[in-house]
Amino acid sequence: MALIHLIWIVPLFILLAYLLSPRFRGDIAETRVRRILAQGLESNRYTVLNHIVIPSGGGTIAIDHVIVSRFGVFVIESIHLPGHVHATEQMAQWKRRRFGRTVKFDNPYHANQVQAEALGRLLGMSARFMHTFVVCDGADTIKGDPPANLVRPERLVREIRRRGQLLLEPEQTARALRDIRDAHIETRRGFIKARSW
């Protein structure tokens, strides 16, 4: 009889461990942002690439979302942070308070800047062609002086559209897409959703 109970209890514990894991929480934010971008951006103006891994400095850098358009290249980091977040652009680590417990984690704004610089080097583009966003999903409040490019998921498409100045020619966008695809390192999670111009 005890063996029968173990048959359903063990998978239940495995499922709970996965649901509480940082990977699952990260996947929640990435999936939500992926869906928002797919539904909110016109496919004839924006090409959305998800979970891009590119070589950089002898290693690799993973980027949650890249958007290539004539309005520039958008580099997006998505994070799931339920609770109260204390964030500033300069802090090495941000703080999240939930259920009376405070957790520190690396500043995603800094990671986003490193991602944009690496992608800019790969594409041979200066910072003026690159737009960066950190999408914070699930936060109750964001305190401190957060970076201007920290947005909630529901505001992301509006913020992308605000960058409406044409920066790239069609040939430049096509070349950027080709360079990203050529450099992309396939991983188990790798997924590229390319749209035609």
C-alpha atoms as a PDB file:
ATOM      1  CA  MET A   1       0.000   0.000   0.000  1.00  0.00           C
ATOM      2  CA  ALA A   2       2.857   2.424   0.815  1.00  0.00           C
ATOM      3  CA  LEU A   3       4.308   1.823  -2.651  1.00  0.00           C
ATOM      4  CA  ILE A   4       1.058   2.975  -4.266  1.00  0.00           C
ATOM      5  CA  HIS A   5       1.246   6.247  -2.336  1.00  0.00           C
ATOM      6  CA  LEU A   6       4.845   6.779  -3.451  1.00  0.00           C
ATOM      7  CA  ILE A   7       3.839   6.363  -7.089  1.00  0.00           C
ATOM      8  CA  TRP A   8       1.824   9.601  -7.037  1.00  0.00           C
ATOM      9  CA  ILE A   9       3.693  11.485  -4.286  1.00  0.00           C
ATOM     10  CA  VAL A  10       7.128  11.415  -5.967  1.00  0.00           C
ATOM     11  CA  PRO A  11       5.910  12.949  -9.267  1.00  0.00           C
ATOM     12  CA  LEU A  12       3.970  15.539  -7.262  1.00  0.00           C
ATOM     13  CA  PHE A  13       7.152  16.614  -5.433  1.00  0.00           C
ATOM     14  CA  ILE A  14       9.071  16.761  -8.712  1.00  0.00           C
ATOM     15  CA  LEU A  15       6.362  18.939 -10.236  1.00  0.00           C
ATOM     16  CA  LEU A  16       6.320  21.265  -7.209  1.00  0.00           C
ATOM     17  CA  ALA A  17      10.110  21.575  -7.271  1.00  0.00           C
ATOM     18  CA  TYR A  18       9.977  22.554 -10.932  1.00  0.00           C
ATOM     19  CA  LEU A  19       7.157  25.059 -10.416  1.00  0.00           C
ATOM     20  CA  LEU A  20       9.125  26.745  -7.634  1.00  0.00           C
ATOM     21  CA  SER A  21      12.432  26.721  -9.530  1.00  0.00           C
ATOM     22  CA  PRO A  22      14.008  29.910 -10.902  1.00  0.00           C
ATOM     23  CA  ARG A  23      14.024  28.387 -14.376  1.00  0.00           C
ATOM     24  CA  PHE A  24      10.249  28.007 -14.397  1.00  0.00           C
ATOM     25  CA  ARG A  25       9.770  31.531 -13.075  1.00  0.00           C
ATOM     26  CA  GLY A  26      12.111  32.797 -15.783  1.00  0.00           C
ATOM     27  CA  ASP A  27      10.216  30.831 -18.378  1.00  0.00           C
ATOM     28  CA  ILE A  28       6.991  32.482 -17.213  1.00  0.00           C
ATOM     29  CA  ALA A  29       8.340  35.957 -18.012  1.00  0.00           C
ATOM     30  CA  GLU A  30       9.930  34.900 -21.305  1.00  0.00           C
ATOM     31  CA  THR A  31       6.766  33.149 -22.457  1.00  0.00           C
ATOM     32  CA  ARG A  32       4.575  36.107 -21.541  1.00  0.00           C
ATOM     33  CA  VAL A  33       6.852  38.595 -23.312  1.00  0.00           C
ATOM     34  CA  ARG A  34       7.088  36.307 -26.366  1.00  0.00           C
ATOM     35  CA  ARG A  35       3.289  36.204 -26.589  1.00  0.00           C
ATOM     36  CA  ILE A  36       2.949  39.988 -26.118  1.00  0.00           C
ATOM     37  CA  LEU A  37       5.477  40.667 -28.874  1.00  0.00           C
ATOM     38  CA  ALA A  38       3.857  38.177 -31.268  1.00  0.00           C
ATOM     39  CA  GLN A  39       0.404  39.674 -30.734  1.00  0.00           C
ATOM     40  CA  GLY A  40       1.328  43.342 -30.452  1.00  0.00           C
ATOM     41  CA  LEU A  41       3.899  44.008 -33.168  1.00  0.00           C
ATOM     42  CA  GLU A  42       3.220  44.108 -36.888  1.00  0.00           C
ATOM     43  CA  SER A  43       5.029  41.294 -38.668  1.00  0.00           C
ATOM     44  CA  ASN A  44       5.757  43.474 -41.694  1.00  0.00           C
ATOM     45  CA  ARG A  45       7.663  46.000 -39.551  1.00  0.00           C
ATOM     46  CA  TYR A  46       9.309  43.923 -36.787  1.00  0.00           C
ATOM     47  CA  THR A  47      11.094  40.564 -36.757  1.00  0.00           C
ATOM     48  CA  VAL A  48      11.099  38.935 -33.324  1.00  0.00           C
ATOM     49  CA  LEU A  49      13.848  36.476 -32.388  1.00  0.00           C
ATOM     50  CA  ASN A  50      13.528  34.588 -29.105  1.00  0.00           C
ATOM     51  CA  HIS A  51      16.252  33.054 -26.953  1.00  0.00           C
ATOM     52  CA  ILE A  52      19.286  33.960 -29.023  1.00  0.00           C
ATOM     53  CA  VAL A  53      22.701  32.659 -27.981  1.00  0.00           C
ATOM     54  CA  ILE A  54      25.686  34.391 -29.582  1.00  0.00           C
ATOM     55  CA  PRO A  55      29.435  34.061 -29.110  1.00  0.00           C
ATOM     56  CA  SER A  56      31.074  36.825 -27.092  1.00  0.00           C
ATOM     57  CA  GLY A  57      34.523  37.235 -25.554  1.00  0.00           C
ATOM     58  CA  GLY A  58      35.483  33.568 -25.712  1.00  0.00           C
ATOM     59  CA  GLY A  59      32.110  32.458 -24.309  1.00  0.00           C
ATOM     60  CA  THR A  60      28.472  32.956 -25.118  1.00  0.00           C
ATOM     61  CA  ILE A  61      25.716  35.384 -24.209  1.00  0.00           C
ATOM     62  CA  ALA A  62      22.029  34.444 -24.111  1.00  0.00           C
ATOM     63  CA  ILE A  63      19.480  37.116 -24.990  1.00  0.00           C
ATOM     64  CA  ASP A  64      15.817  36.539 -24.187  1.00  0.00           C
ATOM     65  CA  HIS A  65      14.375  38.527 -27.090  1.00  0.00           C
ATOM     66  CA  VAL A  66      15.792  40.484 -30.026  1.00  0.00           C
ATOM     67  CA  ILE A  67      13.673  42.575 -32.368  1.00  0.00           C
ATOM     68  CA  VAL A  68      15.113  43.735 -35.672  1.00  0.00           C
ATOM     69  CA  SER A  69      13.346  46.558 -37.466  1.00  0.00           C
ATOM     70  CA  ARG A  70      14.026  49.700 -39.429  1.00  0.00           C
ATOM     71  CA  PHE A  71      13.649  51.499 -36.087  1.00  0.00           C
ATOM     72  CA  GLY A  72      16.754  49.779 -34.717  1.00  0.00           C
ATOM     73  CA  VAL A  73      17.611  46.583 -32.889  1.00  0.00           C
ATOM     74  CA  PHE A  74      15.816  45.970 -29.600  1.00  0.00           C
ATOM     75  CA  VAL A  75      17.465  43.818 -26.921  1.00  0.00           C
ATOM     76  CA  ILE A  76      15.019  42.647 -24.259  1.00  0.00           C
ATOM     77  CA  GLU A  77      15.699  40.915 -20.936  1.00  0.00           C
ATOM     78  CA  SER A  78      12.590  39.473 -19.261  1.00  0.00           C
ATOM     79  CA  ILE A  79      12.439  38.643 -15.549  1.00  0.00           C
ATOM     80  CA  HIS A  80       9.706  37.373 -13.237  1.00  0.00           C
ATOM     81  CA  LEU A  81       9.915  39.164  -9.883  1.00  0.00           C
ATOM     82  CA  PRO A  82       6.849  38.780  -7.692  1.00  0.00           C
ATOM     83  CA  GLY A  83       6.964  40.936  -4.575  1.00  0.00           C
ATOM     84  CA  HIS A  84       8.371  44.380  -3.837  1.00  0.00           C
ATOM     85  CA  VAL A  85      11.487  45.257  -5.837  1.00  0.00           C
ATOM     86  CA  HIS A  86      14.091  47.886  -4.898  1.00  0.00           C
ATOM     87  CA  ALA A  87      16.040  48.849  -8.014  1.00  0.00           C
ATOM     88  CA  THR A  88      18.353  51.543  -9.292  1.00  0.00           C
ATOM     89  CA  GLU A  89      20.475  51.702 -12.393  1.00  0.00           C
ATOM     90  CA  GLN A  90      23.720  51.875 -10.387  1.00  0.00           C
ATOM     91  CA  MET A  91      23.117  49.082  -7.853  1.00  0.00           C
ATOM     92  CA  ALA A  92      25.204  45.960  -8.466  1.00  0.00           C
ATOM     93  CA  GLN A  93      22.391  43.910  -6.959  1.00  0.00           C
ATOM     94  CA  TRP A  94      18.696  44.577  -6.732  1.00  0.00           C
ATOM     95  CA  LYS A  95      16.536  43.481  -3.805  1.00  0.00           C
ATOM     96  CA  ARG A  96      13.222  41.699  -3.813  1.00  0.00           C
ATOM     97  CA  ARG A  97      11.062  41.391  -0.708  1.00  0.00           C
ATOM     98  CA  ARG A  98       8.309  38.802  -0.560  1.00  0.00           C
ATOM     99  CA  PHE A  99       6.646  37.035   2.348  1.00  0.00           C
ATOM    100  CA  GLY A 100       8.939  38.890   4.784  1.00  0.00           C
ATOM    101  CA  ARG A 101      12.083  37.569   3.103  1.00  0.00           C
ATOM    102  CA  THR A 102      14.581  39.704   1.166  1.00  0.00           C
ATOM    103  CA  VAL A 103      16.554  38.238  -1.713  1.00  0.00           C
ATOM    104  CA  LYS A 104      19.365  39.969  -3.620  1.00  0.00           C
ATOM    105  CA  PHE A 105      20.018  39.252  -7.286  1.00  0.00           C
ATOM    106  CA  ASP A 106      22.284  40.630  -9.997  1.00  0.00           C
ATOM    107  CA  ASN A 107      21.099  43.840 -11.621  1.00  0.00           C
ATOM    108  CA  PRO A 108      19.375  42.756 -14.874  1.00  0.00           C
ATOM    109  CA  TYR A 109      19.878  46.249 -16.299  1.00  0.00           C
ATOM    110  CA  HIS A 110      23.643  45.653 -16.330  1.00  0.00           C
ATOM    111  CA  ALA A 111      23.181  42.247 -17.976  1.00  0.00           C
ATOM    112  CA  ASN A 112      20.939  43.864 -20.604  1.00  0.00           C
ATOM    113  CA  GLN A 113      23.605  46.462 -21.384  1.00  0.00           C
ATOM    114  CA  VAL A 114      26.253  43.740 -21.803  1.00  0.00           C
ATOM    115  CA  GLN A 115      23.900  41.826 -24.129  1.00  0.00           C
ATOM    116  CA  ALA A 116      23.300  44.926 -26.261  1.00  0.00           C
ATOM    117  CA  GLU A 117      27.028  45.697 -26.469  1.00  0.00           C
ATOM    118  CA  ALA A 118      27.834  42.121 -27.525  1.00  0.00           C
ATOM    119  CA  LEU A 119      25.094  42.118 -30.169  1.00  0.00           C
ATOM    120  CA  GLY A 120      26.173  45.566 -31.375  1.00  0.00           C
ATOM    121  CA  ARG A 121      29.750  44.296 -31.828  1.00  0.00           C
ATOM    122  CA  LEU A 122      28.481  41.248 -33.704  1.00  0.00           C
ATOM    123  CA  LEU A 123      26.390  43.414 -36.042  1.00  0.00           C
ATOM    124  CA  GLY A 124      28.949  46.226 -36.323  1.00  0.00           C
ATOM    125  CA  MET A 125      26.381  48.708 -34.999  1.00  0.00           C
ATOM    126  CA  SER A 126      26.926  51.556 -32.584  1.00  0.00           C
ATOM    127  CA  ALA A 127      24.794  52.105 -29.481  1.00  0.00           C
ATOM    128  CA  ARG A 128      22.585  54.625 -31.297  1.00  0.00           C
ATOM    129  CA  PHE A 129      21.023  51.759 -33.298  1.00  0.00           C
ATOM    130  CA  MET A 130      20.392  49.634 -30.204  1.00  0.00           C
ATOM    131  CA  HIS A 131      17.437  49.899 -27.816  1.00  0.00           C
ATOM    132  CA  THR A 132      17.427  48.023 -24.510  1.00  0.00           C
ATOM    133  CA  PHE A 133      14.543  47.014 -22.251  1.00  0.00           C
ATOM    134  CA  VAL A 134      14.253  45.055 -19.028  1.00  0.00           C
ATOM    135  CA  VAL A 135      10.708  43.706 -18.675  1.00  0.00           C
ATOM    136  CA  CYS A 136       9.738  43.136 -15.036  1.00  0.00           C
ATOM    137  CA  ASP A 137       6.820  40.725 -14.764  1.00  0.00           C
ATOM    138  CA  GLY A 138       4.895  40.135 -11.538  1.00  0.00           C
ATOM    139  CA  ALA A 139       6.291  42.916  -9.332  1.00  0.00           C
ATOM    140  CA  ASP A 140       3.838  44.427  -6.836  1.00  0.00           C
ATOM    141  CA  THR A 141       5.869  47.629  -6.529  1.00  0.00           C
ATOM    142  CA  ILE A 142       9.183  48.906  -7.850  1.00  0.00           C
ATOM    143  CA  LYS A 143      10.913  51.271  -5.433  1.00  0.00           C
ATOM    144  CA  GLY A 144      14.076  53.310  -5.689  1.00  0.00           C
ATOM    145  CA  ASP A 145      15.095  55.052  -8.894  1.00  0.00           C
ATOM    146  CA  PRO A 146      14.761  52.294 -11.505  1.00  0.00           C
ATOM    147  CA  PRO A 147      16.292  52.676 -14.980  1.00  0.00           C
ATOM    148  CA  ALA A 148      14.091  54.365 -17.583  1.00  0.00           C
ATOM    149  CA  ASN A 149      14.106  51.224 -19.717  1.00  0.00           C
ATOM    150  CA  LEU A 150      12.582  49.060 -16.943  1.00  0.00           C
ATOM    151  CA  VAL A 151       9.008  48.379 -18.075  1.00  0.00           C
ATOM    152  CA  ARG A 152       6.100  46.167 -17.159  1.00  0.00           C
ATOM    153  CA  PRO A 153       4.949  43.666 -19.810  1.00  0.00           C
ATOM    154  CA  GLU A 154       1.748  45.535 -20.605  1.00  0.00           C
ATOM    155  CA  ARG A 155       3.739  48.687 -21.546  1.00  0.00           C
ATOM    156  CA  LEU A 156       6.419  46.978 -23.663  1.00  0.00           C
ATOM    157  CA  VAL A 157       4.788  47.266 -27.103  1.00  0.00           C
ATOM    158  CA  ARG A 158       3.912  50.931 -26.483  1.00  0.00           C
ATOM    159  CA  GLU A 159       7.529  51.662 -25.467  1.00  0.00           C
ATOM    160  CA  ILE A 160       8.867  49.886 -28.551  1.00  0.00           C
ATOM    161  CA  ARG A 161       6.557  51.886 -30.812  1.00  0.00           C
ATOM    162  CA  ARG A 162       7.723  55.122 -29.165  1.00  0.00           C
ATOM    163  CA  ARG A 163      11.100  54.472 -30.819  1.00  0.00           C
ATOM    164  CA  GLY A 164       9.620  55.360 -34.194  1.00  0.00           C
ATOM    165  CA  GLN A 165      12.537  57.082 -35.891  1.00  0.00           C
ATOM    166  CA  LEU A 166      13.841  55.205 -38.935  1.00  0.00           C
ATOM    167  CA  LEU A 167      17.454  54.258 -38.236  1.00  0.00           C
ATOM    168  CA  LEU A 168      18.190  51.388 -40.620  1.00  0.00           C
ATOM    169  CA  GLU A 169      17.737  50.809 -44.330  1.00  0.00           C
ATOM    170  CA  PRO A 170      16.000  47.591 -45.467  1.00  0.00           C
ATOM    171  CA  GLU A 171      19.364  46.151 -46.557  1.00  0.00           C
ATOM    172  CA  GLN A 172      20.817  46.815 -43.097  1.00  0.00           C
ATOM    173  CA  THR A 173      17.931  45.040 -41.368  1.00  0.00           C
ATOM    174  CA  ALA A 174      18.253  42.060 -43.713  1.00  0.00           C
ATOM    175  CA  ARG A 175      22.004  41.910 -43.049  1.00  0.00           C
ATOM    176  CA  ALA A 176      21.452  42.143 -39.269  1.00  0.00           C
ATOM    177  CA  LEU A 177      18.988  39.239 -39.393  1.00  0.00           C
ATOM    178  CA  ARG A 178      21.390  37.178 -41.487  1.00  0.00           C
ATOM    179  CA  ASP A 179      24.311  37.918 -39.139  1.00  0.00           C
ATOM    180  CA  ILE A 180      22.286  36.969 -36.059  1.00  0.00           C
ATOM    181  CA  ARG A 181      21.089  33.723 -37.643  1.00  0.00           C
ATOM    182  CA  ASP A 182      24.621  32.846 -38.763  1.00  0.00           C
ATOM    183  CA  ALA A 183      26.077  33.529 -35.300  1.00  0.00           C
ATOM    184  CA  HIS A 184      23.238  31.959 -33.290  1.00  0.00           C
ATOM    185  CA  ILE A 185      24.307  28.846 -31.394  1.00  0.00           C
ATOM    186  CA  GLU A 186      21.497  26.299 -31.190  1.00  0.00           C
ATOM    187  CA  THR A 187      20.628  25.104 -27.705  1.00  0.00           C
ATOM    188  CA  ARG A 188      17.943  22.776 -26.426  1.00  0.00           C
ATOM    189  CA  ARG A 189      15.826  25.818 -25.622  1.00  0.00           C
ATOM    190  CA  GLY A 190      16.777  27.645 -28.806  1.00  0.00           C
ATOM    191  CA  PHE A 191      13.878  29.044 -30.797  1.00  0.00           C
ATOM    192  CA  ILE A 192      13.892  31.610 -33.540  1.00  0.00           C
ATOM    193  CA  LYS A 193      10.622  33.033 -34.792  1.00  0.00           C
ATOM    194  CA  ALA A 194      11.561  34.976 -37.905  1.00  0.00           C
ATOM    195  CA  ARG A 195       9.102  37.021 -39.865  1.00  0.00           C
ATOM    196  CA  SER A 196       9.439  38.093 -43.447  1.00  0.00           C
ATOM    197  CA  TRP A 197       9.702  41.727 -44.397  1.00  0.00           C
END
